Amino acid sequence: MVHITLPRTIDRQLSFYLAMEEYVARYMDMPHAFFIWQVEPSVIFGRNQLIESEVNTSYCERKGVRMFRRKSGGGCVYADKSNMMLSYITDSDSVNFTYHQYTTLVVNALQRMGIRATANGRNDIMIEGKKVSGNAFYHLCAHQTDSGKGRSIVHGTLLYDTNMENMLGCITPDDEKLLSKGVKSVRQHITLLKDHTRLSLEEIRNELIRFVCNEERMLTPEEVEKVKDIEKEYLSPTFIYGHNPRYTVVKKQRIEGVGTLEVRMEVKNGIIKNIDLKGDFFLIGDLNEIRQALKNQPLDRMSMEKVLPDTKNLIVNLSKTDLITLILK
């Protein structure tokens, strides 16, 4: 595993590190890469989430917390200098294999430090039944990389000690999700590494790198500039806030193994004129395949079953039956 480093240690905003992951995945031909980063208070929400549904924007603006969108799916998270963000880039086309590979690496490293971590659920790392790390995934197809190989990126939080007031204030919790996990508050749902070890944040960071990586590669100043070029997309207001036209019908449900799925449709005379999917699901294909298949189709089960592609190849664990049932709900 190659540890990716930067030529200068300076404070950078979250969007830079998202662009850095993408640069490594697209242009650096190495089987596995890893790096750890920290940022000033920031909120990062998933590719298919609505900012107004997930983020308390007025609180963020009042407290000076930056808001960013990532290209992976999953839910909204808060980051600051008291926790770590981990990035893992690998040659892979399999979401399940990539998650298993990544969580195994992190869990084994934490266990070697005497921390009783376990992997649990679709994307979490737990300690004593509480989440200490949540992670998200996205995939680049072979034609999108210089190496001609499919590349996968997993990134996520590793909570050491964080500003709980900001964490709770910035993120608009999904009550249905919390209830489904049998917890009554965000405080009951998460735990902090500082409560399970005497090691400092910096010591844990160094031990993770030492355990996971066996060589180092520093980006050149020229490569840093290329990362900054990619970063421009992440800083675009259109990318951050999205373009969300009004829809006449909205259906929302939490589906086991999939996540929260929100279907937004414009329906006229029983015909789907436009449709979009939002939520914290994990996307492994192109949502346009679903949008285009259902556009101008009658709002009935038989018609949708005929035109829909295999949705499990597009959204992790989402069956055609579950999607159609939600649309007709």
C-alpha atoms as a PDB file:
ATOM      1  CA  MET A   1       0.000   0.000   0.000  1.00  0.00           C
ATOM      2  CA  VAL A   2       1.325   3.443  -0.972  1.00  0.00           C
ATOM      3  CA  HIS A   3       0.966   6.337   1.455  1.00  0.00           C
ATOM      4  CA  ILE A   4       0.237   9.503  -0.555  1.00  0.00           C
ATOM      5  CA  THR A   5       1.720  12.688   0.929  1.00  0.00           C
ATOM      6  CA  LEU A   6       1.855  16.368  -0.014  1.00  0.00           C
ATOM      7  CA  PRO A   7       4.949  18.540  -0.504  1.00  0.00           C
ATOM      8  CA  ARG A   8       3.759  21.156   1.996  1.00  0.00           C
ATOM      9  CA  THR A   9       1.885  20.844   5.281  1.00  0.00           C
ATOM     10  CA  ILE A  10      -0.735  23.587   5.169  1.00  0.00           C
ATOM     11  CA  ASP A  11      -4.417  23.837   5.994  1.00  0.00           C
ATOM     12  CA  ARG A  12      -6.534  22.879   2.983  1.00  0.00           C
ATOM     13  CA  GLN A  13     -10.287  22.745   2.639  1.00  0.00           C
ATOM     14  CA  LEU A  14     -12.200  19.504   2.339  1.00  0.00           C
ATOM     15  CA  SER A  15     -12.790  19.857  -1.403  1.00  0.00           C
ATOM     16  CA  PHE A  16      -9.037  19.607  -2.053  1.00  0.00           C
ATOM     17  CA  TYR A  17      -8.832  16.148  -0.502  1.00  0.00           C
ATOM     18  CA  LEU A  18     -11.858  14.913  -2.459  1.00  0.00           C
ATOM     19  CA  ALA A  19     -10.107  16.110  -5.610  1.00  0.00           C
ATOM     20  CA  MET A  20      -6.863  14.482  -4.444  1.00  0.00           C
ATOM     21  CA  GLU A  21      -8.601  11.109  -4.138  1.00  0.00           C
ATOM     22  CA  GLU A  22      -9.984  11.503  -7.627  1.00  0.00           C
ATOM     23  CA  TYR A  23      -6.594  12.501  -9.042  1.00  0.00           C
ATOM     24  CA  VAL A  24      -4.924   9.434  -7.505  1.00  0.00           C
ATOM     25  CA  ALA A  25      -7.687   7.157  -8.808  1.00  0.00           C
ATOM     26  CA  ARG A  26      -7.697   8.593 -12.328  1.00  0.00           C
ATOM     27  CA  TYR A  27      -4.042   9.273 -13.019  1.00  0.00           C
ATOM     28  CA  MET A  28      -1.743   7.337 -10.660  1.00  0.00           C
ATOM     29  CA  ASP A  29      -1.254   3.689 -11.629  1.00  0.00           C
ATOM     30  CA  MET A  30      -0.822   1.890  -8.297  1.00  0.00           C
ATOM     31  CA  PRO A  31      -2.911  -1.040  -6.994  1.00  0.00           C
ATOM     32  CA  HIS A  32      -3.601   0.491  -3.563  1.00  0.00           C
ATOM     33  CA  ALA A  33      -3.162   3.980  -2.077  1.00  0.00           C
ATOM     34  CA  PHE A  34      -4.050   5.519   1.281  1.00  0.00           C
ATOM     35  CA  PHE A  35      -3.870   8.869   3.040  1.00  0.00           C
ATOM     36  CA  ILE A  36      -5.275  10.591   6.128  1.00  0.00           C
ATOM     37  CA  TRP A  37      -6.406  14.199   6.299  1.00  0.00           C
ATOM     38  CA  GLN A  38      -7.939  16.730   8.668  1.00  0.00           C
ATOM     39  CA  VAL A  39      -9.942  19.873   8.013  1.00  0.00           C
ATOM     40  CA  GLU A  40     -11.480  22.852   9.749  1.00  0.00           C
ATOM     41  CA  PRO A  41     -15.179  22.363  10.699  1.00  0.00           C
ATOM     42  CA  SER A  42     -16.990  21.088   7.603  1.00  0.00           C
ATOM     43  CA  VAL A  43     -20.108  19.176   6.611  1.00  0.00           C
ATOM     44  CA  ILE A  44     -19.963  16.714   3.726  1.00  0.00           C
ATOM     45  CA  PHE A  45     -23.108  15.197   2.235  1.00  0.00           C
ATOM     46  CA  GLY A  46     -23.664  12.435  -0.296  1.00  0.00           C
ATOM     47  CA  ARG A  47     -23.926  12.714  -4.072  1.00  0.00           C
ATOM     48  CA  ASN A  48     -27.658  11.996  -4.117  1.00  0.00           C
ATOM     49  CA  GLN A  49     -28.732  13.897  -1.022  1.00  0.00           C
ATOM     50  CA  LEU A  50     -30.709  17.150  -0.927  1.00  0.00           C
ATOM     51  CA  ILE A  51     -28.778  19.725   1.058  1.00  0.00           C
ATOM     52  CA  GLU A  52     -31.951  21.252   2.514  1.00  0.00           C
ATOM     53  CA  SER A  53     -33.044  17.839   3.826  1.00  0.00           C
ATOM     54  CA  GLU A  54     -29.716  16.850   5.376  1.00  0.00           C
ATOM     55  CA  VAL A  55     -27.914  20.004   6.487  1.00  0.00           C
ATOM     56  CA  ASN A  56     -28.920  22.773   8.864  1.00  0.00           C
ATOM     57  CA  THR A  57     -27.563  25.439   6.526  1.00  0.00           C
ATOM     58  CA  SER A  58     -28.436  28.386   8.776  1.00  0.00           C
ATOM     59  CA  TYR A  59     -26.508  26.830  11.673  1.00  0.00           C
ATOM     60  CA  CYS A  60     -23.512  26.131   9.420  1.00  0.00           C
ATOM     61  CA  GLU A  61     -23.481  29.696   8.103  1.00  0.00           C
ATOM     62  CA  ARG A  62     -23.790  31.102  11.613  1.00  0.00           C
ATOM     63  CA  LYS A  63     -20.949  28.952  12.978  1.00  0.00           C
ATOM     64  CA  GLY A  64     -18.671  29.246   9.930  1.00  0.00           C
ATOM     65  CA  VAL A  65     -18.923  25.544   9.035  1.00  0.00           C
ATOM     66  CA  ARG A  66     -18.204  24.902   5.337  1.00  0.00           C
ATOM     67  CA  MET A  67     -20.571  22.695   3.311  1.00  0.00           C
ATOM     68  CA  PHE A  68     -19.395  20.289   0.603  1.00  0.00           C
ATOM     69  CA  ARG A  69     -20.879  17.583  -1.597  1.00  0.00           C
ATOM     70  CA  ARG A  70     -18.943  14.417  -2.449  1.00  0.00           C
ATOM     71  CA  LYS A  71     -19.294  12.069  -5.429  1.00  0.00           C
ATOM     72  CA  SER A  72     -19.965   8.998  -3.298  1.00  0.00           C
ATOM     73  CA  GLY A  73     -23.322   8.002  -1.863  1.00  0.00           C
ATOM     74  CA  GLY A  74     -24.106   7.524   1.801  1.00  0.00           C
ATOM     75  CA  GLY A  75     -25.178   9.989   4.462  1.00  0.00           C
ATOM     76  CA  CYS A  76     -24.128  13.366   5.789  1.00  0.00           C
ATOM     77  CA  VAL A  77     -21.144  13.645   8.167  1.00  0.00           C
ATOM     78  CA  TYR A  78     -19.380  16.359  10.134  1.00  0.00           C
ATOM     79  CA  ALA A  79     -15.583  16.719  10.244  1.00  0.00           C
ATOM     80  CA  ASP A  80     -13.160  18.889  12.188  1.00  0.00           C
ATOM     81  CA  LYS A  81      -9.537  18.874  13.355  1.00  0.00           C
ATOM     82  CA  SER A  82     -10.424  16.607  16.284  1.00  0.00           C
ATOM     83  CA  ASN A  83     -11.137  13.660  14.014  1.00  0.00           C
ATOM     84  CA  MET A  84      -9.502  12.041  11.005  1.00  0.00           C
ATOM     85  CA  MET A  85     -10.698  11.469   7.480  1.00  0.00           C
ATOM     86  CA  LEU A  86      -9.375   8.360   5.719  1.00  0.00           C
ATOM     87  CA  SER A  87      -9.059   7.832   1.961  1.00  0.00           C
ATOM     88  CA  TYR A  88      -8.439   4.450   0.328  1.00  0.00           C
ATOM     89  CA  ILE A  89      -8.041   4.028  -3.443  1.00  0.00           C
ATOM     90  CA  THR A  90      -7.750   0.588  -5.019  1.00  0.00           C
ATOM     91  CA  ASP A  91      -8.043  -1.414  -8.253  1.00  0.00           C
ATOM     92  CA  SER A  92     -11.495  -2.946  -7.918  1.00  0.00           C
ATOM     93  CA  ASP A  93     -14.904  -3.186  -9.555  1.00  0.00           C
ATOM     94  CA  SER A  94     -16.635  -4.792  -6.558  1.00  0.00           C
ATOM     95  CA  VAL A  95     -18.225  -2.632  -3.858  1.00  0.00           C
ATOM     96  CA  ASN A  96     -18.548  -5.476  -1.352  1.00  0.00           C
ATOM     97  CA  PHE A  97     -14.969  -6.682  -1.826  1.00  0.00           C
ATOM     98  CA  THR A  98     -13.603  -3.126  -1.583  1.00  0.00           C
ATOM     99  CA  TYR A  99     -15.500  -2.383   1.639  1.00  0.00           C
ATOM    100  CA  HIS A 100     -14.377  -5.667   3.174  1.00  0.00           C
ATOM    101  CA  GLN A 101     -10.763  -4.993   2.209  1.00  0.00           C
ATOM    102  CA  TYR A 102     -10.832  -1.457   3.616  1.00  0.00           C
ATOM    103  CA  THR A 103     -12.692  -2.126   6.861  1.00  0.00           C
ATOM    104  CA  THR A 104     -10.497  -5.163   7.551  1.00  0.00           C
ATOM    105  CA  LEU A 105      -7.381  -2.996   7.209  1.00  0.00           C
ATOM    106  CA  VAL A 106      -8.673  -0.296   9.565  1.00  0.00           C
ATOM    107  CA  VAL A 107     -10.165  -2.697  12.119  1.00  0.00           C
ATOM    108  CA  ASN A 108      -6.979  -4.780  12.264  1.00  0.00           C
ATOM    109  CA  ALA A 109      -4.879  -1.636  12.721  1.00  0.00           C
ATOM    110  CA  LEU A 110      -7.086  -0.386  15.570  1.00  0.00           C
ATOM    111  CA  GLN A 111      -7.106  -3.800  17.242  1.00  0.00           C
ATOM    112  CA  ARG A 112      -3.293  -3.857  17.182  1.00  0.00           C
ATOM    113  CA  MET A 113      -3.430  -0.603  19.161  1.00  0.00           C
ATOM    114  CA  GLY A 114      -5.590  -2.316  21.770  1.00  0.00           C
ATOM    115  CA  ILE A 115      -8.846  -0.754  20.559  1.00  0.00           C
ATOM    116  CA  ARG A 116     -11.729  -3.251  20.377  1.00  0.00           C
ATOM    117  CA  ALA A 117     -13.010  -2.258  16.939  1.00  0.00           C
ATOM    118  CA  THR A 118     -15.238  -4.396  14.719  1.00  0.00           C
ATOM    119  CA  ALA A 119     -16.758  -4.031  11.251  1.00  0.00           C
ATOM    120  CA  ASN A 120     -20.530  -3.932  11.195  1.00  0.00           C
ATOM    121  CA  GLY A 121     -23.363  -3.084   8.815  1.00  0.00           C
ATOM    122  CA  ARG A 122     -22.910  -1.905   5.268  1.00  0.00           C
ATOM    123  CA  ASN A 123     -20.255   0.750   5.941  1.00  0.00           C
ATOM    124  CA  ASP A 124     -19.542   1.220   9.661  1.00  0.00           C
ATOM    125  CA  ILE A 125     -16.715   0.467  12.081  1.00  0.00           C
ATOM    126  CA  MET A 126     -17.933  -0.012  15.637  1.00  0.00           C
ATOM    127  CA  ILE A 127     -16.618  -0.083  19.192  1.00  0.00           C
ATOM    128  CA  GLU A 128     -18.849  -1.733  21.809  1.00  0.00           C
ATOM    129  CA  GLY A 129     -21.889  -1.411  19.558  1.00  0.00           C
ATOM    130  CA  LYS A 130     -21.412   2.270  18.740  1.00  0.00           C
ATOM    131  CA  LYS A 131     -20.152   3.817  15.518  1.00  0.00           C
ATOM    132  CA  VAL A 132     -16.657   5.290  15.455  1.00  0.00           C
ATOM    133  CA  SER A 133     -16.282   5.363  11.673  1.00  0.00           C
ATOM    134  CA  GLY A 134     -18.770   5.733   8.823  1.00  0.00           C
ATOM    135  CA  ASN A 135     -17.614   5.308   5.243  1.00  0.00           C
ATOM    136  CA  ALA A 136     -18.784   5.861   1.680  1.00  0.00           C
ATOM    137  CA  PHE A 137     -17.799   4.462  -1.710  1.00  0.00           C
ATOM    138  CA  TYR A 138     -17.685   5.398  -5.355  1.00  0.00           C
ATOM    139  CA  HIS A 139     -16.332   3.784  -8.470  1.00  0.00           C
ATOM    140  CA  LEU A 140     -14.519   4.949 -11.612  1.00  0.00           C
ATOM    141  CA  CYS A 141     -14.931   2.755 -14.683  1.00  0.00           C
ATOM    142  CA  ALA A 142     -11.930   1.598 -16.698  1.00  0.00           C
ATOM    143  CA  HIS A 143     -12.506   4.216 -19.432  1.00  0.00           C
ATOM    144  CA  GLN A 144     -12.290   6.981 -16.793  1.00  0.00           C
ATOM    145  CA  THR A 145      -8.732   6.148 -15.672  1.00  0.00           C
ATOM    146  CA  ASP A 146      -5.351   6.451 -17.347  1.00  0.00           C
ATOM    147  CA  SER A 147      -4.473   2.908 -16.290  1.00  0.00           C
ATOM    148  CA  GLY A 148      -7.506   1.460 -18.088  1.00  0.00           C
ATOM    149  CA  LYS A 149      -8.558  -0.261 -14.851  1.00  0.00           C
ATOM    150  CA  GLY A 150     -11.651   0.198 -12.736  1.00  0.00           C
ATOM    151  CA  ARG A 151     -10.762   2.078  -9.556  1.00  0.00           C
ATOM    152  CA  SER A 152     -12.710   2.305  -6.310  1.00  0.00           C
ATOM    153  CA  ILE A 153     -12.524   4.966  -3.614  1.00  0.00           C
ATOM    154  CA  VAL A 154     -13.592   4.497  -0.005  1.00  0.00           C
ATOM    155  CA  HIS A 155     -13.475   7.484   2.303  1.00  0.00           C
ATOM    156  CA  GLY A 156     -14.809   8.159   5.751  1.00  0.00           C
ATOM    157  CA  THR A 157     -14.508   9.515   9.239  1.00  0.00           C
ATOM    158  CA  LEU A 158     -12.591   8.199  12.208  1.00  0.00           C
ATOM    159  CA  LEU A 159     -13.843   9.973  15.312  1.00  0.00           C
ATOM    160  CA  TYR A 160     -11.245  10.728  17.970  1.00  0.00           C
ATOM    161  CA  ASP A 161     -12.737  13.741  19.738  1.00  0.00           C
ATOM    162  CA  THR A 162     -15.130  16.069  18.006  1.00  0.00           C
ATOM    163  CA  ASN A 163     -17.252  19.148  18.649  1.00  0.00           C
ATOM    164  CA  MET A 164     -20.529  17.448  19.532  1.00  0.00           C
ATOM    165  CA  GLU A 165     -22.486  20.710  19.498  1.00  0.00           C
ATOM    166  CA  ASN A 166     -21.444  21.307  15.890  1.00  0.00           C
ATOM    167  CA  MET A 167     -22.012  17.700  14.905  1.00  0.00           C
ATOM    168  CA  LEU A 168     -25.567  17.775  16.226  1.00  0.00           C
ATOM    169  CA  GLY A 169     -26.259  21.324  15.071  1.00  0.00           C
ATOM    170  CA  CYS A 170     -25.005  20.980  11.492  1.00  0.00           C
ATOM    171  CA  ILE A 171     -26.677  17.740  10.516  1.00  0.00           C
ATOM    172  CA  THR A 172     -30.419  17.370  10.283  1.00  0.00           C
ATOM    173  CA  PRO A 173     -30.918  13.845  11.630  1.00  0.00           C
ATOM    174  CA  ASP A 174     -33.098  11.323   9.818  1.00  0.00           C
ATOM    175  CA  ASP A 175     -35.366  10.227  12.677  1.00  0.00           C
ATOM    176  CA  GLU A 176     -36.498   7.096  10.836  1.00  0.00           C
ATOM    177  CA  LYS A 177     -32.912   5.965  10.414  1.00  0.00           C
ATOM    178  CA  LEU A 178     -32.080   6.526  14.079  1.00  0.00           C
ATOM    179  CA  LEU A 179     -35.187   4.714  15.257  1.00  0.00           C
ATOM    180  CA  SER A 180     -34.477   1.783  12.943  1.00  0.00           C
ATOM    181  CA  LYS A 181     -31.159   1.295  14.714  1.00  0.00           C
ATOM    182  CA  GLY A 182     -32.814   1.403  18.123  1.00  0.00           C
ATOM    183  CA  VAL A 183     -31.213   4.640  19.308  1.00  0.00           C
ATOM    184  CA  LYS A 184     -32.863   7.804  20.518  1.00  0.00           C
ATOM    185  CA  SER A 185     -30.147  10.341  19.769  1.00  0.00           C
ATOM    186  CA  VAL A 186     -26.944  10.867  17.868  1.00  0.00           C
ATOM    187  CA  ARG A 187     -25.042  10.879  21.170  1.00  0.00           C
ATOM    188  CA  GLN A 188     -26.179   7.342  21.882  1.00  0.00           C
ATOM    189  CA  HIS A 189     -25.269   6.234  18.381  1.00  0.00           C
ATOM    190  CA  ILE A 190     -21.573   7.184  18.195  1.00  0.00           C
ATOM    191  CA  THR A 191     -18.449   6.770  20.303  1.00  0.00           C
ATOM    192  CA  LEU A 192     -15.054   8.489  20.354  1.00  0.00           C
ATOM    193  CA  LEU A 193     -11.629   6.850  20.172  1.00  0.00           C
ATOM    194  CA  LYS A 194     -10.362   8.962  23.085  1.00  0.00           C
ATOM    195  CA  ASP A 195     -12.743   7.025  25.346  1.00  0.00           C
ATOM    196  CA  HIS A 196     -11.144   3.691  24.401  1.00  0.00           C
ATOM    197  CA  THR A 197      -7.413   4.426  24.344  1.00  0.00           C
ATOM    198  CA  ARG A 198      -4.668   6.528  25.927  1.00  0.00           C
ATOM    199  CA  LEU A 199      -3.085   7.133  22.530  1.00  0.00           C
ATOM    200  CA  SER A 200      -3.276  10.657  21.122  1.00  0.00           C
ATOM    201  CA  LEU A 201      -4.882  11.439  17.788  1.00  0.00           C
ATOM    202  CA  GLU A 202      -1.442  11.909  16.232  1.00  0.00           C
ATOM    203  CA  GLU A 203      -0.202   8.591  17.624  1.00  0.00           C
ATOM    204  CA  ILE A 204      -3.224   6.759  16.186  1.00  0.00           C
ATOM    205  CA  ARG A 205      -2.705   8.493  12.839  1.00  0.00           C
ATOM    206  CA  ASN A 206       0.956   7.446  12.691  1.00  0.00           C
ATOM    207  CA  GLU A 207       0.174   3.874  13.736  1.00  0.00           C
ATOM    208  CA  LEU A 208      -2.521   3.559  11.068  1.00  0.00           C
ATOM    209  CA  ILE A 209      -0.119   4.677   8.355  1.00  0.00           C
ATOM    210  CA  ARG A 210       2.635   2.411   9.655  1.00  0.00           C
ATOM    211  CA  PHE A 211       0.322  -0.611   9.733  1.00  0.00           C
ATOM    212  CA  VAL A 212      -1.456  -0.026   6.427  1.00  0.00           C
ATOM    213  CA  CYS A 213       1.347   1.329   4.210  1.00  0.00           C
ATOM    214  CA  ASN A 214       4.781   0.023   3.223  1.00  0.00           C
ATOM    215  CA  GLU A 215       5.919   2.812   0.898  1.00  0.00           C
ATOM    216  CA  GLU A 216       5.407   6.532   0.346  1.00  0.00           C
ATOM    217  CA  ARG A 217       4.773   8.696  -2.703  1.00  0.00           C
ATOM    218  CA  MET A 218       4.780  12.490  -2.473  1.00  0.00           C
ATOM    219  CA  LEU A 219       2.789  14.473  -5.008  1.00  0.00           C
ATOM    220  CA  THR A 220       4.860  16.935  -7.003  1.00  0.00           C
ATOM    221  CA  PRO A 221       3.958  20.654  -7.048  1.00  0.00           C
ATOM    222  CA  GLU A 222       2.744  20.136 -10.632  1.00  0.00           C
ATOM    223  CA  GLU A 223       0.453  17.308  -9.501  1.00  0.00           C
ATOM    224  CA  VAL A 224      -0.914  19.490  -6.695  1.00  0.00           C
ATOM    225  CA  GLU A 225      -1.909  22.067  -9.320  1.00  0.00           C
ATOM    226  CA  LYS A 226      -3.737  19.354 -11.262  1.00  0.00           C
ATOM    227  CA  VAL A 227      -5.571  18.395  -8.077  1.00  0.00           C
ATOM    228  CA  LYS A 228      -6.615  22.041  -7.710  1.00  0.00           C
ATOM    229  CA  ASP A 229      -8.010  21.974 -11.245  1.00  0.00           C
ATOM    230  CA  ILE A 230     -10.187  18.965 -10.326  1.00  0.00           C
ATOM    231  CA  GLU A 231     -11.194  20.736  -7.103  1.00  0.00           C
ATOM    232  CA  LYS A 232     -12.954  23.490  -9.077  1.00  0.00           C
ATOM    233  CA  GLU A 233     -15.846  21.128  -9.815  1.00  0.00           C
ATOM    234  CA  TYR A 234     -16.297  20.359  -6.100  1.00  0.00           C
ATOM    235  CA  LEU A 235     -16.431  24.108  -5.357  1.00  0.00           C
ATOM    236  CA  SER A 236     -19.027  24.836  -8.031  1.00  0.00           C
ATOM    237  CA  PRO A 237     -22.334  26.041  -6.516  1.00  0.00           C
ATOM    238  CA  THR A 238     -24.165  23.882  -9.077  1.00  0.00           C
ATOM    239  CA  PHE A 239     -22.353  20.774  -7.809  1.00  0.00           C
ATOM    240  CA  ILE A 240     -22.764  21.661  -4.120  1.00  0.00           C
ATOM    241  CA  TYR A 241     -26.389  22.769  -4.161  1.00  0.00           C
ATOM    242  CA  GLY A 242     -27.606  20.828  -7.189  1.00  0.00           C
ATOM    243  CA  HIS A 243     -30.422  21.602  -9.556  1.00  0.00           C
ATOM    244  CA  ASN A 244     -33.625  20.347  -8.010  1.00  0.00           C
ATOM    245  CA  PRO A 245     -36.754  21.089 -10.048  1.00  0.00           C
ATOM    246  CA  ARG A 246     -40.155  20.837  -8.413  1.00  0.00           C
ATOM    247  CA  TYR A 247     -41.808  17.434  -8.516  1.00  0.00           C
ATOM    248  CA  THR A 248     -45.503  16.708  -8.131  1.00  0.00           C
ATOM    249  CA  VAL A 249     -45.045  13.407  -6.259  1.00  0.00           C
ATOM    250  CA  VAL A 250     -42.518  12.526  -3.546  1.00  0.00           C
ATOM    251  CA  LYS A 251     -42.270   9.043  -1.976  1.00  0.00           C
ATOM    252  CA  LYS A 252     -39.735   8.230   0.738  1.00  0.00           C
ATOM    253  CA  GLN A 253     -38.866   5.016   2.582  1.00  0.00           C
ATOM    254  CA  ARG A 254     -35.985   3.352   4.379  1.00  0.00           C
ATOM    255  CA  ILE A 255     -35.198   0.005   2.736  1.00  0.00           C
ATOM    256  CA  GLU A 256     -33.163  -2.557   4.654  1.00  0.00           C
ATOM    257  CA  GLY A 257     -29.692  -2.986   3.160  1.00  0.00           C
ATOM    258  CA  VAL A 258     -30.203  -0.033   0.825  1.00  0.00           C
ATOM    259  CA  GLY A 259     -30.701   3.036   2.988  1.00  0.00           C
ATOM    260  CA  THR A 260     -33.132   5.915   2.730  1.00  0.00           C
ATOM    261  CA  LEU A 261     -34.574   6.213  -0.777  1.00  0.00           C
ATOM    262  CA  GLU A 262     -36.628   9.198  -1.891  1.00  0.00           C
ATOM    263  CA  VAL A 263     -38.385   9.058  -5.274  1.00  0.00           C
ATOM    264  CA  ARG A 264     -39.334  12.415  -6.818  1.00  0.00           C
ATOM    265  CA  MET A 265     -41.603  12.380  -9.848  1.00  0.00           C
ATOM    266  CA  GLU A 266     -43.454  14.667 -12.174  1.00  0.00           C
ATOM    267  CA  VAL A 267     -46.593  12.699 -13.118  1.00  0.00           C
ATOM    268  CA  LYS A 268     -49.222  13.774 -15.662  1.00  0.00           C
ATOM    269  CA  ASN A 269     -52.270  11.692 -16.567  1.00  0.00           C
ATOM    270  CA  GLY A 270     -50.700   8.582 -15.055  1.00  0.00           C
ATOM    271  CA  ILE A 271     -47.456   8.988 -17.053  1.00  0.00           C
ATOM    272  CA  ILE A 272     -44.030   9.561 -15.448  1.00  0.00           C
ATOM    273  CA  LYS A 273     -42.699  12.696 -17.161  1.00  0.00           C
ATOM    274  CA  ASN A 274     -39.588  13.045 -14.992  1.00  0.00           C
ATOM    275  CA  ILE A 275     -38.165  11.051 -12.097  1.00  0.00           C
ATOM    276  CA  ASP A 276     -35.171  11.332  -9.792  1.00  0.00           C
ATOM    277  CA  LEU A 277     -33.839   9.352  -6.813  1.00  0.00           C
ATOM    278  CA  LYS A 278     -32.337  10.944  -3.714  1.00  0.00           C
ATOM    279  CA  GLY A 279     -31.030   9.459  -0.466  1.00  0.00           C
ATOM    280  CA  ASP A 280     -28.057   7.946   1.327  1.00  0.00           C
ATOM    281  CA  PHE A 281     -27.888   4.808  -0.824  1.00  0.00           C
ATOM    282  CA  PHE A 282     -24.639   3.645  -2.434  1.00  0.00           C
ATOM    283  CA  LEU A 283     -24.525   4.198  -6.165  1.00  0.00           C
ATOM    284  CA  ILE A 284     -22.399   1.791  -8.235  1.00  0.00           C
ATOM    285  CA  GLY A 285     -23.787   2.604 -11.669  1.00  0.00           C
ATOM    286  CA  ASP A 286     -25.403   5.466 -13.561  1.00  0.00           C
ATOM    287  CA  LEU A 287     -28.706   6.757 -12.160  1.00  0.00           C
ATOM    288  CA  ASN A 288     -29.588   7.969 -15.646  1.00  0.00           C
ATOM    289  CA  GLU A 289     -30.295   4.348 -16.591  1.00  0.00           C
ATOM    290  CA  ILE A 290     -33.226   4.387 -14.161  1.00  0.00           C
ATOM    291  CA  ARG A 291     -34.322   7.939 -15.012  1.00  0.00           C
ATOM    292  CA  GLN A 292     -34.350   7.317 -18.759  1.00  0.00           C
ATOM    293  CA  ALA A 293     -35.982   3.882 -18.477  1.00  0.00           C
ATOM    294  CA  LEU A 294     -38.931   5.240 -16.495  1.00  0.00           C
ATOM    295  CA  LYS A 295     -39.369   8.535 -18.318  1.00  0.00           C
ATOM    296  CA  ASN A 296     -42.695   8.630 -20.226  1.00  0.00           C
ATOM    297  CA  GLN A 297     -43.719   5.228 -18.832  1.00  0.00           C
ATOM    298  CA  PRO A 298     -47.185   4.486 -17.389  1.00  0.00           C
ATOM    299  CA  LEU A 299     -47.351   4.447 -13.620  1.00  0.00           C
ATOM    300  CA  ASP A 300     -48.076   0.714 -13.329  1.00  0.00           C
ATOM    301  CA  ARG A 301     -46.041  -2.255 -12.139  1.00  0.00           C
ATOM    302  CA  MET A 302     -46.015  -4.296 -15.356  1.00  0.00           C
ATOM    303  CA  SER A 303     -44.795  -1.409 -17.521  1.00  0.00           C
ATOM    304  CA  MET A 304     -42.013  -0.496 -15.085  1.00  0.00           C
ATOM    305  CA  GLU A 305     -40.855  -4.105 -14.676  1.00  0.00           C
ATOM    306  CA  LYS A 306     -40.452  -4.403 -18.468  1.00  0.00           C
ATOM    307  CA  VAL A 307     -38.274  -1.303 -18.930  1.00  0.00           C
ATOM    308  CA  LEU A 308     -36.210  -1.137 -15.743  1.00  0.00           C
ATOM    309  CA  PRO A 309     -32.637  -2.470 -15.878  1.00  0.00           C
ATOM    310  CA  ASP A 310     -31.253  -4.659 -13.078  1.00  0.00           C
ATOM    311  CA  THR A 311     -31.281  -2.056 -10.311  1.00  0.00           C
ATOM    312  CA  LYS A 312     -28.880  -4.068  -8.116  1.00  0.00           C
ATOM    313  CA  ASN A 313     -26.180  -3.256 -10.687  1.00  0.00           C
ATOM    314  CA  LEU A 314     -26.840   0.448 -10.143  1.00  0.00           C
ATOM    315  CA  ILE A 315     -27.703   0.848  -6.442  1.00  0.00           C
ATOM    316  CA  VAL A 316     -26.365  -1.553  -3.833  1.00  0.00           C
ATOM    317  CA  ASN A 317     -29.008  -4.112  -2.764  1.00  0.00           C
ATOM    318  CA  LEU A 318     -31.923  -2.294  -4.440  1.00  0.00           C
ATOM    319  CA  SER A 319     -34.278  -4.726  -6.153  1.00  0.00           C
ATOM    320  CA  LYS A 320     -36.684  -3.795  -8.944  1.00  0.00           C
ATOM    321  CA  THR A 321     -39.539  -4.941  -6.724  1.00  0.00           C
ATOM    322  CA  ASP A 322     -38.569  -2.606  -3.870  1.00  0.00           C
ATOM    323  CA  LEU A 323     -38.151   0.374  -6.204  1.00  0.00           C
ATOM    324  CA  ILE A 324     -41.460  -0.191  -8.004  1.00  0.00           C
ATOM    325  CA  THR A 325     -43.297  -0.783  -4.711  1.00  0.00           C
ATOM    326  CA  LEU A 326     -42.020   2.559  -3.418  1.00  0.00           C
ATOM    327  CA  ILE A 327     -42.983   4.376  -6.622  1.00  0.00           C
ATOM    328  CA  LEU A 328     -46.526   2.966  -6.392  1.00  0.00           C
ATOM    329  CA  LYS A 329     -46.785   3.462  -2.624  1.00  0.00           C
END
